[in-house]
Amino acid sequence: PLQGGLPTDRLVAEWWLESKRVTDLLTAGKYSLPEKLERVEVPA
């Protein structure tokens, strides 16, 4: 019922375990993002 009868659309998460992004996050609590970003919103 959590799907609400909608199509089961999915994004594929890639977790590159030894990437700088992941190691920075797990060791320093943050990672950097590029300045130019596009946004897609999901209402609560």
PDB file of all heavy atoms in Angstrom:
ATOM      1  N   PRO A   1       0.817  -1.218   0.000  1.00  0.00           N
ATOM      2  CA  PRO A   1       0.000   0.000   0.000  1.00  0.00           C
ATOM      3  C   PRO A   1       0.849   1.265   0.000  1.00  0.00           C
ATOM      4  O   PRO A   1       0.358   2.340  -0.355  1.00  0.00           O
ATOM      5  CB  PRO A   1      -0.818  -0.130   1.287  1.00  0.00           C
ATOM      6  CG  PRO A   1      -0.067  -1.081   2.146  1.00  0.00           C
ATOM      7  CD  PRO A   1       0.611  -2.031   1.222  1.00  0.00           C
ATOM      8  N   LEU A   2       2.120   1.155   0.377  1.00  0.00           N
ATOM      9  CA  LEU A   2       2.997   2.325   0.370  1.00  0.00           C
ATOM     10  C   LEU A   2       3.239   2.839  -1.046  1.00  0.00           C
ATOM     11  O   LEU A   2       3.557   4.016  -1.234  1.00  0.00           O
ATOM     12  CB  LEU A   2       4.344   1.978   1.025  1.00  0.00           C
ATOM     13  CG  LEU A   2       4.290   1.483   2.480  1.00  0.00           C
ATOM     14  CD1 LEU A   2       5.689   1.196   2.982  1.00  0.00           C
ATOM     15  CD2 LEU A   2       3.593   2.499   3.373  1.00  0.00           C
ATOM     16  N   GLN A   3       3.071   1.960  -2.042  1.00  0.00           N
ATOM     17  CA  GLN A   3       3.256   2.378  -3.428  1.00  0.00           C
ATOM     18  C   GLN A   3       2.055   3.165  -3.936  1.00  0.00           C
ATOM     19  O   GLN A   3       2.139   3.885  -4.922  1.00  0.00           O
ATOM     20  CB  GLN A   3       3.507   1.160  -4.326  1.00  0.00           C
ATOM     21  CG  GLN A   3       3.961   1.465  -5.726  1.00  0.00           C
ATOM     22  CD  GLN A   3       5.326   2.138  -5.784  1.00  0.00           C
ATOM     23  OE1 GLN A   3       6.219   1.840  -4.991  1.00  0.00           O
ATOM     24  NE2 GLN A   3       5.476   3.073  -6.716  1.00  0.00           N
ATOM     25  N   GLY A   4       0.915   3.019  -3.274  1.00  0.00           N
ATOM     26  CA  GLY A   4      -0.268   3.777  -3.628  1.00  0.00           C
ATOM     27  C   GLY A   4      -0.817   3.461  -5.003  1.00  0.00           C
ATOM     28  O   GLY A   4      -1.501   4.295  -5.607  1.00  0.00           O
ATOM     29  N   GLY A   5      -0.534   2.267  -5.516  1.00  0.00           N
ATOM     30  CA  GLY A   5      -1.039   1.891  -6.819  1.00  0.00           C
ATOM     31  C   GLY A   5      -0.343   2.563  -7.989  1.00  0.00           C
ATOM     32  O   GLY A   5      -0.745   2.383  -9.145  1.00  0.00           O
ATOM     33  N   LEU A   6       0.707   3.332  -7.728  1.00  0.00           N
ATOM     34  CA  LEU A   6       1.439   4.012  -8.792  1.00  0.00           C
ATOM     35  C   LEU A   6       2.465   3.078  -9.424  1.00  0.00           C
ATOM     36  O   LEU A   6       2.867   2.076  -8.813  1.00  0.00           O
ATOM     37  CB  LEU A   6       2.161   5.241  -8.241  1.00  0.00           C
ATOM     38  CG  LEU A   6       1.309   6.341  -7.621  1.00  0.00           C
ATOM     39  CD1 LEU A   6       2.202   7.505  -7.217  1.00  0.00           C
ATOM     40  CD2 LEU A   6       0.221   6.806  -8.562  1.00  0.00           C
ATOM     41  N   PRO A   7       2.922   3.386 -10.641  1.00  0.00           N
ATOM     42  CA  PRO A   7       4.024   2.617 -11.225  1.00  0.00           C
ATOM     43  C   PRO A   7       5.234   2.611 -10.301  1.00  0.00           C
ATOM     44  O   PRO A   7       5.497   3.591  -9.595  1.00  0.00           O
ATOM     45  CB  PRO A   7       4.319   3.368 -12.530  1.00  0.00           C
ATOM     46  CG  PRO A   7       3.030   4.042 -12.872  1.00  0.00           C
ATOM     47  CD  PRO A   7       2.415   4.429 -11.557  1.00  0.00           C
ATOM     48  N   THR A   8       5.971   1.504 -10.308  1.00  0.00           N
ATOM     49  CA  THR A   8       7.126   1.369  -9.422  1.00  0.00           C
ATOM     50  C   THR A   8       8.367   1.975 -10.085  1.00  0.00           C
ATOM     51  O   THR A   8       9.344   1.284 -10.372  1.00  0.00           O
ATOM     52  CB  THR A   8       7.364  -0.109  -9.059  1.00  0.00           C
ATOM     53  OG1 THR A   8       7.416  -0.883 -10.282  1.00  0.00           O
ATOM     54  CG2 THR A   8       6.261  -0.642  -8.175  1.00  0.00           C
ATOM     55  N   ASP A   9       8.326   3.291 -10.305  1.00  0.00           N
ATOM     56  CA  ASP A   9       9.485   3.998 -10.854  1.00  0.00           C
ATOM     57  C   ASP A   9      10.613   3.979  -9.826  1.00  0.00           C
ATOM     58  O   ASP A   9      10.370   4.144  -8.614  1.00  0.00           O
ATOM     59  CB  ASP A   9       9.130   5.448 -11.173  1.00  0.00           C
ATOM     60  CG  ASP A   9       8.274   5.581 -12.423  1.00  0.00           C
ATOM     61  OD1 ASP A   9       7.716   4.564 -12.866  1.00  0.00           O
ATOM     62  OD2 ASP A   9       8.159   6.703 -12.943  1.00  0.00           O
ATOM     63  N   ARG A  10      11.841   3.809 -10.319  1.00  0.00           N
ATOM     64  CA  ARG A  10      12.989   3.762  -9.424  1.00  0.00           C
ATOM     65  C   ARG A  10      14.191   4.477 -10.025  1.00  0.00           C
ATOM     66  O   ARG A  10      14.469   4.361 -11.213  1.00  0.00           O
ATOM     67  CB  ARG A  10      13.390   2.301  -9.125  1.00  0.00           C
ATOM     68  CG  ARG A  10      12.346   1.487  -8.374  1.00  0.00           C
ATOM     69  CD  ARG A  10      12.120   1.987  -6.971  1.00  0.00           C
ATOM     70  NE  ARG A  10      11.206   1.153  -6.203  1.00  0.00           N
ATOM     71  CZ  ARG A  10       9.898   1.367  -6.091  1.00  0.00           C
ATOM     72  NH1 ARG A  10       9.338   2.412  -6.726  1.00  0.00           N
ATOM     73  NH2 ARG A  10       9.143   0.565  -5.362  1.00  0.00           N
ATOM     74  N   LEU A  11      14.884   5.216  -9.194  1.00  0.00           N
ATOM     75  CA  LEU A  11      16.223   5.685  -9.499  1.00  0.00           C
ATOM     76  C   LEU A  11      17.212   4.631  -9.022  1.00  0.00           C
ATOM     77  O   LEU A  11      16.951   3.922  -8.036  1.00  0.00           O
ATOM     78  CB  LEU A  11      16.519   7.016  -8.796  1.00  0.00           C
ATOM     79  CG  LEU A  11      16.031   8.287  -9.491  1.00  0.00           C
ATOM     80  CD1 LEU A  11      16.046   9.461  -8.513  1.00  0.00           C
ATOM     81  CD2 LEU A  11      16.880   8.598 -10.717  1.00  0.00           C
ATOM     82  N   VAL A  12      18.343   4.517  -9.700  1.00  0.00           N
ATOM     83  CA  VAL A  12      19.387   3.574  -9.302  1.00  0.00           C
ATOM     84  C   VAL A  12      20.471   4.339  -8.563  1.00  0.00           C
ATOM     85  O   VAL A  12      21.134   5.218  -9.132  1.00  0.00           O
ATOM     86  CB  VAL A  12      19.985   2.852 -10.518  1.00  0.00           C
ATOM     87  CG1 VAL A  12      21.066   1.862 -10.060  1.00  0.00           C
ATOM     88  CG2 VAL A  12      18.897   2.120 -11.298  1.00  0.00           C
ATOM     89  N   ALA A  13      20.635   4.023  -7.283  1.00  0.00           N
ATOM     90  CA  ALA A  13      21.694   4.632  -6.485  1.00  0.00           C
ATOM     91  C   ALA A  13      23.005   3.912  -6.755  1.00  0.00           C
ATOM     92  O   ALA A  13      23.059   2.682  -6.722  1.00  0.00           O
ATOM     93  CB  ALA A  13      21.357   4.547  -4.999  1.00  0.00           C
ATOM     94  N   GLU A  14      24.050   4.679  -7.044  1.00  0.00           N
ATOM     95  CA  GLU A  14      25.401   4.140  -7.177  1.00  0.00           C
ATOM     96  C   GLU A  14      26.209   4.640  -5.989  1.00  0.00           C
ATOM     97  O   GLU A  14      26.380   5.845  -5.806  1.00  0.00           O
ATOM     98  CB  GLU A  14      26.060   4.613  -8.473  1.00  0.00           C
ATOM     99  CG  GLU A  14      25.351   4.198  -9.743  1.00  0.00           C
ATOM    100  CD  GLU A  14      26.018   4.789 -10.977  1.00  0.00           C
ATOM    101  OE1 GLU A  14      27.259   4.989 -10.961  1.00  0.00           O
ATOM    102  OE2 GLU A  14      25.306   5.065 -11.957  1.00  0.00           O
ATOM    103  N   TRP A  15      26.694   3.708  -5.207  1.00  0.00           N
ATOM    104  CA  TRP A  15      27.487   4.055  -4.026  1.00  0.00           C
ATOM    105  C   TRP A  15      28.915   3.601  -4.275  1.00  0.00           C
ATOM    106  O   TRP A  15      29.240   2.427  -4.097  1.00  0.00           O
ATOM    107  CB  TRP A  15      26.895   3.385  -2.790  1.00  0.00           C
ATOM    108  CG  TRP A  15      27.237   4.046  -1.493  1.00  0.00           C
ATOM    109  CD1 TRP A  15      27.595   5.347  -1.285  1.00  0.00           C
ATOM    110  CD2 TRP A  15      27.219   3.434  -0.193  1.00  0.00           C
ATOM    111  NE1 TRP A  15      27.801   5.594   0.048  1.00  0.00           N
ATOM    112  CE2 TRP A  15      27.573   4.437   0.736  1.00  0.00           C
ATOM    113  CE3 TRP A  15      26.933   2.153   0.259  1.00  0.00           C
ATOM    114  CZ2 TRP A  15      27.661   4.182   2.117  1.00  0.00           C
ATOM    115  CZ3 TRP A  15      27.008   1.896   1.624  1.00  0.00           C
ATOM    116  CH2 TRP A  15      27.367   2.902   2.540  1.00  0.00           C
ATOM    117  N   TRP A  16      29.739   4.523  -4.729  1.00  0.00           N
ATOM    118  CA  TRP A  16      31.134   4.221  -5.023  1.00  0.00           C
ATOM    119  C   TRP A  16      31.908   4.295  -3.716  1.00  0.00           C
ATOM    120  O   TRP A  16      32.197   5.377  -3.207  1.00  0.00           O
ATOM    121  CB  TRP A  16      31.665   5.180  -6.083  1.00  0.00           C
ATOM    122  CG  TRP A  16      31.016   4.926  -7.403  1.00  0.00           C
ATOM    123  CD1 TRP A  16      29.915   5.537  -7.933  1.00  0.00           C
ATOM    124  CD2 TRP A  16      31.400   3.930  -8.362  1.00  0.00           C
ATOM    125  NE1 TRP A  16      29.594   4.999  -9.156  1.00  0.00           N
ATOM    126  CE2 TRP A  16      30.494   4.008  -9.454  1.00  0.00           C
ATOM    127  CE3 TRP A  16      32.432   2.985  -8.418  1.00  0.00           C
ATOM    128  CZ2 TRP A  16      30.585   3.180 -10.571  1.00  0.00           C
ATOM    129  CZ3 TRP A  16      32.530   2.160  -9.530  1.00  0.00           C
ATOM    130  CH2 TRP A  16      31.618   2.260 -10.588  1.00  0.00           C
ATOM    131  N   LEU A  17      32.231   3.148  -3.179  1.00  0.00           N
ATOM    132  CA  LEU A  17      32.612   3.019  -1.777  1.00  0.00           C
ATOM    133  C   LEU A  17      33.904   3.734  -1.422  1.00  0.00           C
ATOM    134  O   LEU A  17      34.098   4.143  -0.267  1.00  0.00           O
ATOM    135  CB  LEU A  17      32.722   1.533  -1.417  1.00  0.00           C
ATOM    136  CG  LEU A  17      31.474   0.688  -1.726  1.00  0.00           C
ATOM    137  CD1 LEU A  17      31.718  -0.766  -1.372  1.00  0.00           C
ATOM    138  CD2 LEU A  17      30.251   1.229  -0.996  1.00  0.00           C
ATOM    139  N   GLU A  18      34.800   3.882  -2.392  1.00  0.00           N
ATOM    140  CA  GLU A  18      36.087   4.529  -2.113  1.00  0.00           C
ATOM    141  C   GLU A  18      36.234   5.857  -2.844  1.00  0.00           C
ATOM    142  O   GLU A  18      37.332   6.402  -2.924  1.00  0.00           O
ATOM    143  CB  GLU A  18      37.232   3.587  -2.503  1.00  0.00           C
ATOM    144  CG  GLU A  18      37.269   2.311  -1.675  1.00  0.00           C
ATOM    145  CD  GLU A  18      38.407   1.389  -2.062  1.00  0.00           C
ATOM    146  OE1 GLU A  18      38.441   0.934  -3.221  1.00  0.00           O
ATOM    147  OE2 GLU A  18      39.281   1.136  -1.189  1.00  0.00           O
ATOM    148  N   SER A  19      35.148   6.407  -3.356  1.00  0.00           N
ATOM    149  CA  SER A  19      35.206   7.706  -4.022  1.00  0.00           C
ATOM    150  C   SER A  19      35.492   8.802  -3.001  1.00  0.00           C
ATOM    151  O   SER A  19      35.214   8.669  -1.804  1.00  0.00           O
ATOM    152  CB  SER A  19      33.896   8.003  -4.743  1.00  0.00           C
ATOM    153  OG  SER A  19      32.830   8.136  -3.805  1.00  0.00           O
ATOM    154  N   LYS A  20      36.056   9.902  -3.471  1.00  0.00           N
ATOM    155  CA  LYS A  20      36.324  11.044  -2.584  1.00  0.00           C
ATOM    156  C   LYS A  20      35.023  11.556  -1.986  1.00  0.00           C
ATOM    157  O   LYS A  20      34.982  11.956  -0.808  1.00  0.00           O
ATOM    158  CB  LYS A  20      37.031  12.147  -3.362  1.00  0.00           C
ATOM    159  CG  LYS A  20      37.456  13.347  -2.519  1.00  0.00           C
ATOM    160  CD  LYS A  20      38.223  14.356  -3.349  1.00  0.00           C
ATOM    161  CE  LYS A  20      38.769  15.500  -2.476  1.00  0.00           C
ATOM    162  NZ  LYS A  20      37.692  16.245  -1.783  1.00  0.00           N
ATOM    163  N   ARG A  21      33.968  11.563  -2.786  1.00  0.00           N
ATOM    164  CA  ARG A  21      32.662  12.026  -2.317  1.00  0.00           C
ATOM    165  C   ARG A  21      32.211  11.248  -1.084  1.00  0.00           C
ATOM    166  O   ARG A  21      31.804  11.838  -0.073  1.00  0.00           O
ATOM    167  CB  ARG A  21      31.656  11.870  -3.454  1.00  0.00           C
ATOM    168  CG  ARG A  21      30.204  12.107  -3.103  1.00  0.00           C
ATOM    169  CD  ARG A  21      29.334  11.806  -4.312  1.00  0.00           C
ATOM    170  NE  ARG A  21      27.919  11.808  -3.977  1.00  0.00           N
ATOM    171  CZ  ARG A  21      27.145  12.895  -3.972  1.00  0.00           C
ATOM    172  NH1 ARG A  21      27.662  14.058  -4.266  1.00  0.00           N
ATOM    173  NH2 ARG A  21      25.861  12.808  -3.672  1.00  0.00           N
ATOM    174  N   VAL A  22      32.295   9.925  -1.137  1.00  0.00           N
ATOM    175  CA  VAL A  22      31.827   9.086  -0.032  1.00  0.00           C
ATOM    176  C   VAL A  22      32.790   9.150   1.146  1.00  0.00           C
ATOM    177  O   VAL A  22      32.360   9.282   2.303  1.00  0.00           O
ATOM    178  CB  VAL A  22      31.623   7.631  -0.512  1.00  0.00           C
ATOM    179  CG1 VAL A  22      31.352   6.706   0.664  1.00  0.00           C
ATOM    180  CG2 VAL A  22      30.467   7.569  -1.511  1.00  0.00           C
ATOM    181  N   THR A  23      34.085   9.070   0.882  1.00  0.00           N
ATOM    182  CA  THR A  23      35.032   9.096   1.996  1.00  0.00           C
ATOM    183  C   THR A  23      35.018  10.454   2.700  1.00  0.00           C
ATOM    184  O   THR A  23      35.131  10.518   3.930  1.00  0.00           O
ATOM    185  CB  THR A  23      36.455   8.757   1.516  1.00  0.00           C
ATOM    186  OG1 THR A  23      36.832   9.621   0.437  1.00  0.00           O
ATOM    187  CG2 THR A  23      36.530   7.313   1.032  1.00  0.00           C
ATOM    188  N   ASP A  24      34.867  11.551   1.934  1.00  0.00           N
ATOM    189  CA  ASP A  24      34.760  12.871   2.570  1.00  0.00           C
ATOM    190  C   ASP A  24      33.536  12.940   3.471  1.00  0.00           C
ATOM    191  O   ASP A  24      33.588  13.490   4.582  1.00  0.00           O
ATOM    192  CB  ASP A  24      34.661  13.969   1.510  1.00  0.00           C
ATOM    193  CG  ASP A  24      36.000  14.315   0.876  1.00  0.00           C
ATOM    194  OD1 ASP A  24      37.021  13.775   1.332  1.00  0.00           O
ATOM    195  OD2 ASP A  24      36.014  15.115  -0.079  1.00  0.00           O
ATOM    196  N   LEU A  25      32.426  12.400   2.995  1.00  0.00           N
ATOM    197  CA  LEU A  25      31.194  12.449   3.772  1.00  0.00           C
ATOM    198  C   LEU A  25      31.321  11.642   5.062  1.00  0.00           C
ATOM    199  O   LEU A  25      30.928  12.106   6.143  1.00  0.00           O
ATOM    200  CB  LEU A  25      30.026  11.912   2.935  1.00  0.00           C
ATOM    201  CG  LEU A  25      28.667  11.865   3.629  1.00  0.00           C
ATOM    202  CD1 LEU A  25      28.216  13.259   4.046  1.00  0.00           C
ATOM    203  CD2 LEU A  25      27.630  11.220   2.725  1.00  0.00           C
ATOM    204  N   LEU A  26      31.890  10.451   4.971  1.00  0.00           N
ATOM    205  CA  LEU A  26      31.959   9.580   6.142  1.00  0.00           C
ATOM    206  C   LEU A  26      33.040  10.011   7.131  1.00  0.00           C
ATOM    207  O   LEU A  26      32.933   9.711   8.319  1.00  0.00           O
ATOM    208  CB  LEU A  26      32.203   8.135   5.701  1.00  0.00           C
ATOM    209  CG  LEU A  26      31.074   7.492   4.872  1.00  0.00           C
ATOM    210  CD1 LEU A  26      31.406   6.052   4.521  1.00  0.00           C
ATOM    211  CD2 LEU A  26      29.737   7.558   5.613  1.00  0.00           C
ATOM    212  N   THR A  27      34.052  10.715   6.651  1.00  0.00           N
ATOM    213  CA  THR A  27      35.116  11.150   7.562  1.00  0.00           C
ATOM    214  C   THR A  27      34.922  12.583   8.055  1.00  0.00           C
ATOM    215  O   THR A  27      35.207  12.893   9.212  1.00  0.00           O
ATOM    216  CB  THR A  27      36.494  11.040   6.887  1.00  0.00           C
ATOM    217  OG1 THR A  27      36.509  11.813   5.676  1.00  0.00           O
ATOM    218  CG2 THR A  27      36.819   9.587   6.569  1.00  0.00           C
ATOM    219  N   ALA A  28      34.444  13.472   7.172  1.00  0.00           N
ATOM    220  CA  ALA A  28      34.319  14.894   7.524  1.00  0.00           C
ATOM    221  C   ALA A  28      32.874  15.363   7.626  1.00  0.00           C
ATOM    222  O   ALA A  28      32.613  16.495   8.030  1.00  0.00           O
ATOM    223  CB  ALA A  28      35.070  15.748   6.501  1.00  0.00           C
ATOM    224  N   GLY A  29      31.917  14.511   7.241  1.00  0.00           N
ATOM    225  CA  GLY A  29      30.515  14.858   7.368  1.00  0.00           C
ATOM    226  C   GLY A  29      29.960  15.711   6.256  1.00  0.00           C
ATOM    227  O   GLY A  29      28.831  16.209   6.355  1.00  0.00           O
ATOM    228  N   LYS A  30      30.718  15.898   5.169  1.00  0.00           N
ATOM    229  CA  LYS A  30      30.218  16.720   4.061  1.00  0.00           C
ATOM    230  C   LYS A  30      30.972  16.366   2.787  1.00  0.00           C
ATOM    231  O   LYS A  30      32.036  15.738   2.817  1.00  0.00           O
ATOM    232  CB  LYS A  30      30.390  18.208   4.360  1.00  0.00           C
ATOM    233  CG  LYS A  30      31.829  18.639   4.578  1.00  0.00           C
ATOM    234  CD  LYS A  30      31.911  20.117   4.912  1.00  0.00           C
ATOM    235  CE  LYS A  30      33.361  20.549   5.123  1.00  0.00           C
ATOM    236  NZ  LYS A  30      33.458  21.986   5.449  1.00  0.00           N
ATOM    237  N   TYR A  31      30.386  16.772   1.661  1.00  0.00           N
ATOM    238  CA  TYR A  31      31.047  16.668   0.367  1.00  0.00           C
ATOM    239  C   TYR A  31      30.707  17.924  -0.422  1.00  0.00           C
ATOM    240  O   TYR A  31      29.783  18.674  -0.075  1.00  0.00           O
ATOM    241  CB  TYR A  31      30.608  15.406  -0.390  1.00  0.00           C
ATOM    242  CG  TYR A  31      29.102  15.253  -0.537  1.00  0.00           C
ATOM    243  CD1 TYR A  31      28.388  16.003  -1.468  1.00  0.00           C
ATOM    244  CD2 TYR A  31      28.400  14.342   0.252  1.00  0.00           C
ATOM    245  CE1 TYR A  31      27.015  15.858  -1.608  1.00  0.00           C
ATOM    246  CE2 TYR A  31      27.028  14.188   0.115  1.00  0.00           C
ATOM    247  CZ  TYR A  31      26.349  14.953  -0.814  1.00  0.00           C
ATOM    248  OH  TYR A  31      24.986  14.823  -0.943  1.00  0.00           O
ATOM    249  N   SER A  32      31.468  18.190  -1.461  1.00  0.00           N
ATOM    250  CA  SER A  32      31.268  19.413  -2.236  1.00  0.00           C
ATOM    251  C   SER A  32      30.297  19.177  -3.376  1.00  0.00           C
ATOM    252  O   SER A  32      30.177  18.071  -3.902  1.00  0.00           O
ATOM    253  CB  SER A  32      32.607  19.917  -2.792  1.00  0.00           C
ATOM    254  OG  SER A  32      33.190  18.948  -3.641  1.00  0.00           O
ATOM    255  N   LEU A  33      29.591  20.240  -3.760  1.00  0.00           N
ATOM    256  CA  LEU A  33      28.670  20.221  -4.885  1.00  0.00           C
ATOM    257  C   LEU A  33      29.091  21.285  -5.888  1.00  0.00           C
ATOM    258  O   LEU A  33      29.632  22.323  -5.505  1.00  0.00           O
ATOM    259  CB  LEU A  33      27.235  20.506  -4.422  1.00  0.00           C
ATOM    260  CG  LEU A  33      26.520  19.422  -3.625  1.00  0.00           C
ATOM    261  CD1 LEU A  33      25.199  19.964  -3.080  1.00  0.00           C
ATOM    262  CD2 LEU A  33      26.272  18.192  -4.472  1.00  0.00           C
ATOM    263  N   PRO A  34      28.851  21.055  -7.185  1.00  0.00           N
ATOM    264  CA  PRO A  34      29.151  22.092  -8.169  1.00  0.00           C
ATOM    265  C   PRO A  34      28.254  23.309  -7.964  1.00  0.00           C
ATOM    266  O   PRO A  34      27.177  23.215  -7.373  1.00  0.00           O
ATOM    267  CB  PRO A  34      28.874  21.399  -9.508  1.00  0.00           C
ATOM    268  CG  PRO A  34      27.949  20.275  -9.179  1.00  0.00           C
ATOM    269  CD  PRO A  34      28.298  19.836  -7.801  1.00  0.00           C
ATOM    270  N   GLU A  35      28.688  24.453  -8.454  1.00  0.00           N
ATOM    271  CA  GLU A  35      27.911  25.677  -8.283  1.00  0.00           C
ATOM    272  C   GLU A  35      26.625  25.652  -9.104  1.00  0.00           C
ATOM    273  O   GLU A  35      25.580  26.119  -8.653  1.00  0.00           O
ATOM    274  CB  GLU A  35      28.756  26.891  -8.677  1.00  0.00           C
ATOM    275  CG  GLU A  35      29.908  27.173  -7.720  1.00  0.00           C
ATOM    276  CD  GLU A  35      30.653  28.439  -8.079  1.00  0.00           C
ATOM    277  OE1 GLU A  35      30.171  29.167  -8.977  1.00  0.00           O
ATOM    278  OE2 GLU A  35      31.691  28.715  -7.463  1.00  0.00           O
ATOM    279  N   LYS A  36      26.693  25.128 -10.316  1.00  0.00           N
ATOM    280  CA  LYS A  36      25.521  25.106 -11.195  1.00  0.00           C
ATOM    281  C   LYS A  36      24.745  23.824 -10.979  1.00  0.00           C
ATOM    282  O   LYS A  36      25.241  22.726 -11.221  1.00  0.00           O
ATOM    283  CB  LYS A  36      25.940  25.234 -12.660  1.00  0.00           C
ATOM    284  CG  LYS A  36      24.760  25.354 -13.609  1.00  0.00           C
ATOM    285  CD  LYS A  36      25.216  25.561 -15.039  1.00  0.00           C
ATOM    286  CE  LYS A  36      24.016  25.707 -15.971  1.00  0.00           C
ATOM    287  NZ  LYS A  36      24.433  25.918 -17.387  1.00  0.00           N
ATOM    288  N   LEU A  37      23.508  23.949 -10.512  1.00  0.00           N
ATOM    289  CA  LEU A  37      22.672  22.793 -10.204  1.00  0.00           C
ATOM    290  C   LEU A  37      21.275  22.976 -10.785  1.00  0.00           C
ATOM    291  O   LEU A  37      20.727  24.081 -10.775  1.00  0.00           O
ATOM    292  CB  LEU A  37      22.563  22.595  -8.687  1.00  0.00           C
ATOM    293  CG  LEU A  37      23.841  22.200  -7.942  1.00  0.00           C
ATOM    294  CD1 LEU A  37      23.657  22.377  -6.444  1.00  0.00           C
ATOM    295  CD2 LEU A  37      24.234  20.765  -8.258  1.00  0.00           C
ATOM    296  N   GLU A  38      20.708  21.879 -11.267  1.00  0.00           N
ATOM    297  CA  GLU A  38      19.306  21.847 -11.680  1.00  0.00           C
ATOM    298  C   GLU A  38      18.497  21.183 -10.573  1.00  0.00           C
ATOM    299  O   GLU A  38      18.996  20.313  -9.862  1.00  0.00           O
ATOM    300  CB  GLU A  38      19.148  21.075 -12.992  1.00  0.00           C
ATOM    301  CG  GLU A  38      19.896  21.665 -14.161  1.00  0.00           C
ATOM    302  CD  GLU A  38      19.274  22.949 -14.672  1.00  0.00           C
ATOM    303  OE1 GLU A  38      18.095  23.200 -14.361  1.00  0.00           O
ATOM    304  OE2 GLU A  38      19.968  23.693 -15.386  1.00  0.00           O
ATOM    305  N   ARG A  39      17.216  21.568 -10.431  1.00  0.00           N
ATOM    306  CA  ARG A  39      16.402  21.099  -9.318  1.00  0.00           C
ATOM    307  C   ARG A  39      15.115  20.446  -9.791  1.00  0.00           C
ATOM    308  O   ARG A  39      14.511  20.887 -10.764  1.00  0.00           O
ATOM    309  CB  ARG A  39      16.077  22.271  -8.375  1.00  0.00           C
ATOM    310  CG  ARG A  39      17.282  22.770  -7.610  1.00  0.00           C
ATOM    311  CD  ARG A  39      17.024  24.096  -6.904  1.00  0.00           C
ATOM    312  NE  ARG A  39      18.075  24.401  -5.952  1.00  0.00           N
ATOM    313  CZ  ARG A  39      19.265  24.873  -6.263  1.00  0.00           C
ATOM    314  NH1 ARG A  39      19.565  25.104  -7.542  1.00  0.00           N
ATOM    315  NH2 ARG A  39      20.172  25.115  -5.334  1.00  0.00           N
ATOM    316  N   VAL A  40      14.723  19.400  -9.057  1.00  0.00           N
ATOM    317  CA  VAL A  40      13.432  18.744  -9.264  1.00  0.00           C
ATOM    318  C   VAL A  40      12.797  18.569  -7.890  1.00  0.00           C
ATOM    319  O   VAL A  40      13.396  17.954  -7.000  1.00  0.00           O
ATOM    320  CB  VAL A  40      13.571  17.374  -9.957  1.00  0.00           C
ATOM    321  CG1 VAL A  40      12.219  16.673 -10.044  1.00  0.00           C
ATOM    322  CG2 VAL A  40      14.174  17.551 -11.354  1.00  0.00           C
ATOM    323  N   GLU A  41      11.587  19.094  -7.710  1.00  0.00           N
ATOM    324  CA  GLU A  41      10.960  19.137  -6.388  1.00  0.00           C
ATOM    325  C   GLU A  41       9.954  17.998  -6.199  1.00  0.00           C
ATOM    326  O   GLU A  41       9.283  17.569  -7.144  1.00  0.00           O
ATOM    327  CB  GLU A  41      10.270  20.483  -6.191  1.00  0.00           C
ATOM    328  CG  GLU A  41      11.240  21.659  -6.226  1.00  0.00           C
ATOM    329  CD  GLU A  41      10.554  22.995  -6.027  1.00  0.00           C
ATOM    330  OE1 GLU A  41       9.299  23.009  -5.954  1.00  0.00           O
ATOM    331  OE2 GLU A  41      11.259  24.014  -5.959  1.00  0.00           O
ATOM    332  N   VAL A  42       9.869  17.546  -4.948  1.00  0.00           N
ATOM    333  CA  VAL A  42       8.898  16.519  -4.545  1.00  0.00           C
ATOM    334  C   VAL A  42       8.118  17.068  -3.359  1.00  0.00           C
ATOM    335  O   VAL A  42       8.694  17.296  -2.287  1.00  0.00           O
ATOM    336  CB  VAL A  42       9.591  15.198  -4.150  1.00  0.00           C
ATOM    337  CG1 VAL A  42       8.543  14.137  -3.802  1.00  0.00           C
ATOM    338  CG2 VAL A  42      10.508  14.715  -5.261  1.00  0.00           C
ATOM    339  N   PRO A  43       6.815  17.309  -3.494  1.00  0.00           N
ATOM    340  CA  PRO A  43       6.042  17.896  -2.386  1.00  0.00           C
ATOM    341  C   PRO A  43       5.837  16.898  -1.247  1.00  0.00           C
ATOM    342  O   PRO A  43       5.632  15.698  -1.484  1.00  0.00           O
ATOM    343  CB  PRO A  43       4.708  18.257  -3.046  1.00  0.00           C
ATOM    344  CG  PRO A  43       4.590  17.333  -4.207  1.00  0.00           C
ATOM    345  CD  PRO A  43       5.996  17.106  -4.706  1.00  0.00           C
ATOM    346  N   ALA A  44       5.892  17.405  -0.032  1.00  0.00           N
ATOM    347  CA  ALA A  44       5.691  16.537   1.135  1.00  0.00           C
ATOM    348  C   ALA A  44       4.300  15.918   1.141  1.00  0.00           C
ATOM    349  O   ALA A  44       4.090  14.846   1.727  1.00  0.00           O
ATOM    350  CB  ALA A  44       5.918  17.343   2.416  1.00  0.00           C
TER     351      ALA A  44
END
